[in-house]
Amino acid sequence: MHESRPHLPAAGLRGDEILLEARILAVADGVGAMSSHRPFRSALGVHAALEEIRAGAGRLYDAQVVAACERAFAAGRVDLESDAG
């Protein structure tokens, strides 16, 4: 079985070959996963998640999407604490 990398939306594609929507979802999923509690580890928190995403900007995550994500958090437009369901 081939090992996959969940943060890469499509194997073999790079940069603008990957749909913008997929690049946005990769960043959102990364932040959500890292900042949420998992059975095997405690939540890392939003600050640590954003640091990890920032560290991967341009390599693992689209740099412009990461910057937009950071601006959204800084402006208070994102709330991971509320219960949407």
N, C-alpha and C. Protein backbone atom coordinates (compact mmCIF):
# COMPACT_ATOMS: atom_id res chain seq x y z
N MET A 1 0.84 -1.18 0.00
CA MET A 1 0.00 0.00 0.00
C MET A 1 0.88 1.24 0.00
N HIS A 2 0.56 2.16 -0.85
CA HIS A 2 1.32 3.41 -0.95
C HIS A 2 0.97 4.32 0.21
N GLU A 3 1.99 4.87 0.85
CA GLU A 3 1.76 5.80 1.96
C GLU A 3 1.30 7.14 1.39
N SER A 4 0.21 7.65 1.92
CA SER A 4 -0.30 8.93 1.45
C SER A 4 -0.03 10.02 2.47
N ARG A 5 -0.04 11.26 2.01
CA ARG A 5 0.13 12.41 2.89
C ARG A 5 -1.19 13.17 2.89
N PRO A 6 -1.91 13.16 4.00
CA PRO A 6 -3.24 13.77 4.02
C PRO A 6 -3.26 15.27 3.74
N HIS A 7 -2.15 15.98 3.97
CA HIS A 7 -2.15 17.42 3.74
C HIS A 7 -1.91 17.78 2.27
N LEU A 8 -1.58 16.79 1.44
CA LEU A 8 -1.43 17.06 0.01
C LEU A 8 -2.70 16.60 -0.70
N PRO A 9 -3.45 17.53 -1.28
CA PRO A 9 -4.74 17.19 -1.84
C PRO A 9 -4.70 16.21 -3.00
N ALA A 10 -3.66 16.24 -3.82
CA ALA A 10 -3.62 15.35 -4.98
C ALA A 10 -2.17 14.99 -5.30
N ALA A 11 -1.88 13.70 -5.34
CA ALA A 11 -0.52 13.25 -5.64
C ALA A 11 -0.14 13.63 -7.06
N GLY A 12 1.08 14.11 -7.22
CA GLY A 12 1.59 14.43 -8.54
C GLY A 12 1.29 15.85 -9.00
N LEU A 13 0.38 16.52 -8.36
CA LEU A 13 0.04 17.89 -8.75
C LEU A 13 0.78 18.87 -7.84
N ARG A 14 1.09 20.03 -8.39
CA ARG A 14 1.80 21.04 -7.60
C ARG A 14 1.24 22.43 -7.90
N GLY A 15 1.34 23.29 -6.91
CA GLY A 15 0.98 24.69 -7.09
C GLY A 15 -0.40 24.91 -7.67
N ASP A 16 -0.45 25.69 -8.73
CA ASP A 16 -1.73 26.06 -9.34
C ASP A 16 -2.41 24.90 -10.05
N GLU A 17 -1.73 23.76 -10.18
CA GLU A 17 -2.39 22.57 -10.75
C GLU A 17 -3.45 22.04 -9.79
N ILE A 18 -3.29 22.36 -8.51
CA ILE A 18 -4.24 21.94 -7.47
C ILE A 18 -5.31 23.01 -7.37
N LEU A 19 -6.56 22.60 -7.41
CA LEU A 19 -7.67 23.55 -7.30
C LEU A 19 -7.52 24.40 -6.05
N LEU A 20 -7.86 25.68 -6.17
CA LEU A 20 -7.80 26.59 -5.02
C LEU A 20 -8.61 26.04 -3.86
N GLU A 21 -9.78 25.50 -4.15
CA GLU A 21 -10.64 24.95 -3.10
C GLU A 21 -9.93 23.84 -2.32
N ALA A 22 -9.17 23.01 -3.03
CA ALA A 22 -8.43 21.93 -2.37
C ALA A 22 -7.30 22.48 -1.51
N ARG A 23 -6.66 23.54 -1.98
CA ARG A 23 -5.58 24.16 -1.19
C ARG A 23 -6.14 24.80 0.07
N ILE A 24 -7.32 25.40 -0.04
CA ILE A 24 -7.98 26.00 1.13
C ILE A 24 -8.36 24.90 2.13
N LEU A 25 -8.94 23.82 1.62
CA LEU A 25 -9.33 22.71 2.50
C LEU A 25 -8.13 22.09 3.19
N ALA A 26 -7.00 22.00 2.51
CA ALA A 26 -5.80 21.43 3.13
C ALA A 26 -5.37 22.24 4.34
N VAL A 27 -5.39 23.57 4.22
CA VAL A 27 -5.01 24.44 5.33
C VAL A 27 -6.05 24.37 6.44
N ALA A 28 -7.32 24.46 6.07
CA ALA A 28 -8.40 24.41 7.08
C ALA A 28 -8.39 23.08 7.82
N ASP A 29 -8.20 21.99 7.10
CA ASP A 29 -8.16 20.67 7.73
C ASP A 29 -6.96 20.55 8.66
N GLY A 30 -5.83 21.08 8.24
CA GLY A 30 -4.64 21.04 9.09
C GLY A 30 -4.82 21.80 10.38
N VAL A 31 -5.34 23.01 10.29
CA VAL A 31 -5.58 23.82 11.49
C VAL A 31 -6.61 23.13 12.39
N GLY A 32 -7.68 22.66 11.78
CA GLY A 32 -8.73 22.00 12.56
C GLY A 32 -8.24 20.75 13.26
N ALA A 33 -7.48 19.94 12.54
CA ALA A 33 -6.97 18.68 13.12
C ALA A 33 -5.98 18.94 14.24
N MET A 34 -5.09 19.89 14.04
CA MET A 34 -4.07 20.15 15.06
C MET A 34 -4.64 20.84 16.29
N SER A 35 -5.68 21.64 16.10
CA SER A 35 -6.22 22.38 17.24
C SER A 35 -7.33 21.62 17.97
N SER A 36 -7.70 20.46 17.48
CA SER A 36 -8.77 19.66 18.09
C SER A 36 -8.19 18.50 18.88
N HIS A 37 -8.94 18.09 19.89
CA HIS A 37 -8.56 16.92 20.68
C HIS A 37 -8.68 15.66 19.84
N ARG A 38 -7.74 14.77 20.00
CA ARG A 38 -7.77 13.46 19.36
C ARG A 38 -7.62 12.41 20.45
N PRO A 39 -8.14 11.21 20.22
CA PRO A 39 -8.03 10.17 21.25
C PRO A 39 -6.59 9.85 21.64
N PHE A 40 -5.66 10.07 20.74
CA PHE A 40 -4.26 9.72 20.99
C PHE A 40 -3.41 10.90 21.45
N ARG A 41 -3.99 12.11 21.49
CA ARG A 41 -3.25 13.28 21.98
C ARG A 41 -4.21 14.41 22.31
N SER A 42 -3.76 15.29 23.16
CA SER A 42 -4.55 16.47 23.50
C SER A 42 -4.49 17.47 22.36
N ALA A 43 -5.42 18.39 22.37
CA ALA A 43 -5.42 19.45 21.37
C ALA A 43 -4.14 20.28 21.51
N LEU A 44 -3.56 20.64 20.39
CA LEU A 44 -2.36 21.47 20.41
C LEU A 44 -2.69 22.94 20.58
N GLY A 45 -3.92 23.31 20.22
CA GLY A 45 -4.36 24.70 20.32
C GLY A 45 -4.19 25.42 19.00
N VAL A 46 -4.92 26.50 18.84
CA VAL A 46 -4.93 27.25 17.60
C VAL A 46 -3.57 27.89 17.35
N HIS A 47 -2.95 28.45 18.37
CA HIS A 47 -1.66 29.12 18.20
C HIS A 47 -0.61 28.14 17.64
N ALA A 48 -0.51 26.97 18.24
CA ALA A 48 0.46 25.96 17.77
C ALA A 48 0.10 25.48 16.38
N ALA A 49 -1.18 25.32 16.10
CA ALA A 49 -1.62 24.89 14.76
C ALA A 49 -1.22 25.91 13.71
N LEU A 50 -1.43 27.19 14.00
CA LEU A 50 -1.06 28.23 13.05
C LEU A 50 0.46 28.29 12.85
N GLU A 51 1.22 28.05 13.91
CA GLU A 51 2.68 28.00 13.77
C GLU A 51 3.11 26.87 12.84
N GLU A 52 2.48 25.70 13.00
CA GLU A 52 2.80 24.55 12.14
C GLU A 52 2.44 24.82 10.69
N ILE A 53 1.26 25.39 10.47
CA ILE A 53 0.82 25.71 9.12
C ILE A 53 1.78 26.74 8.50
N ARG A 54 2.15 27.75 9.28
CA ARG A 54 3.08 28.78 8.80
C ARG A 54 4.42 28.15 8.43
N ALA A 55 4.89 27.21 9.23
CA ALA A 55 6.16 26.55 8.95
C ALA A 55 6.11 25.76 7.64
N GLY A 56 4.93 25.28 7.27
CA GLY A 56 4.79 24.53 6.03
C GLY A 56 4.37 25.35 4.83
N ALA A 57 4.21 26.66 5.02
CA ALA A 57 3.77 27.53 3.91
C ALA A 57 4.81 27.52 2.80
N GLY A 58 4.32 27.30 1.58
CA GLY A 58 5.20 27.25 0.43
C GLY A 58 5.78 25.89 0.14
N ARG A 59 5.70 24.98 1.12
CA ARG A 59 6.18 23.61 0.93
C ARG A 59 5.02 22.63 0.98
N LEU A 60 4.35 22.60 2.11
CA LEU A 60 3.23 21.67 2.30
C LEU A 60 1.89 22.33 2.04
N TYR A 61 1.83 23.62 2.28
CA TYR A 61 0.58 24.37 2.15
C TYR A 61 0.81 25.58 1.25
N ASP A 62 -0.21 25.99 0.54
CA ASP A 62 -0.14 27.16 -0.32
C ASP A 62 0.10 28.40 0.55
N ALA A 63 1.16 29.14 0.22
CA ALA A 63 1.56 30.29 1.04
C ALA A 63 0.48 31.37 1.09
N GLN A 64 -0.21 31.62 -0.02
CA GLN A 64 -1.26 32.64 -0.02
C GLN A 64 -2.46 32.21 0.81
N VAL A 65 -2.77 30.93 0.79
CA VAL A 65 -3.89 30.42 1.59
C VAL A 65 -3.53 30.49 3.08
N VAL A 66 -2.29 30.17 3.41
CA VAL A 66 -1.84 30.26 4.80
C VAL A 66 -1.95 31.71 5.27
N ALA A 67 -1.51 32.65 4.45
CA ALA A 67 -1.58 34.07 4.82
C ALA A 67 -3.03 34.50 5.01
N ALA A 68 -3.93 34.05 4.14
CA ALA A 68 -5.35 34.39 4.28
C ALA A 68 -5.92 33.79 5.56
N CYS A 69 -5.52 32.58 5.89
CA CYS A 69 -5.97 31.93 7.12
C CYS A 69 -5.51 32.73 8.34
N GLU A 70 -4.26 33.15 8.33
CA GLU A 70 -3.75 33.94 9.46
C GLU A 70 -4.49 35.27 9.59
N ARG A 71 -4.78 35.91 8.46
CA ARG A 71 -5.53 37.17 8.51
C ARG A 71 -6.94 36.94 9.06
N ALA A 72 -7.57 35.85 8.68
CA ALA A 72 -8.92 35.55 9.17
C ALA A 72 -8.92 35.35 10.68
N PHE A 73 -7.92 34.64 11.19
CA PHE A 73 -7.83 34.45 12.65
C PHE A 73 -7.54 35.77 13.35
N ALA A 74 -6.62 36.55 12.79
CA ALA A 74 -6.25 37.83 13.40
C ALA A 74 -7.43 38.80 13.44
N ALA A 75 -8.30 38.73 12.45
CA ALA A 75 -9.47 39.62 12.39
C ALA A 75 -10.64 39.09 13.19
N GLY A 76 -10.49 37.90 13.78
CA GLY A 76 -11.57 37.33 14.58
C GLY A 76 -12.70 36.75 13.76
N ARG A 77 -12.44 36.44 12.49
CA ARG A 77 -13.50 35.89 11.63
C ARG A 77 -13.61 34.37 11.73
N VAL A 78 -12.73 33.74 12.50
CA VAL A 78 -12.75 32.29 12.67
C VAL A 78 -12.88 31.97 14.14
N ASP A 79 -13.79 31.08 14.48
CA ASP A 79 -13.99 30.65 15.87
C ASP A 79 -14.07 29.14 15.90
N LEU A 80 -13.00 28.50 16.32
CA LEU A 80 -13.00 27.03 16.42
C LEU A 80 -13.64 26.53 17.72
N GLU A 81 -13.97 27.44 18.60
CA GLU A 81 -14.52 27.07 19.90
C GLU A 81 -16.02 26.88 19.89
N SER A 82 -16.73 27.51 18.93
CA SER A 82 -18.18 27.43 18.94
C SER A 82 -18.64 26.07 18.44
N ASP A 83 -19.80 25.66 18.88
CA ASP A 83 -20.38 24.38 18.48
C ASP A 83 -21.35 24.64 17.33
N ALA A 84 -20.91 24.28 16.10
CA ALA A 84 -21.72 24.54 14.92
C ALA A 84 -22.77 23.47 14.70
N GLY A 85 -22.70 22.39 15.42
CA GLY A 85 -23.64 21.30 15.16
C GLY A 85 -24.58 21.15 16.26
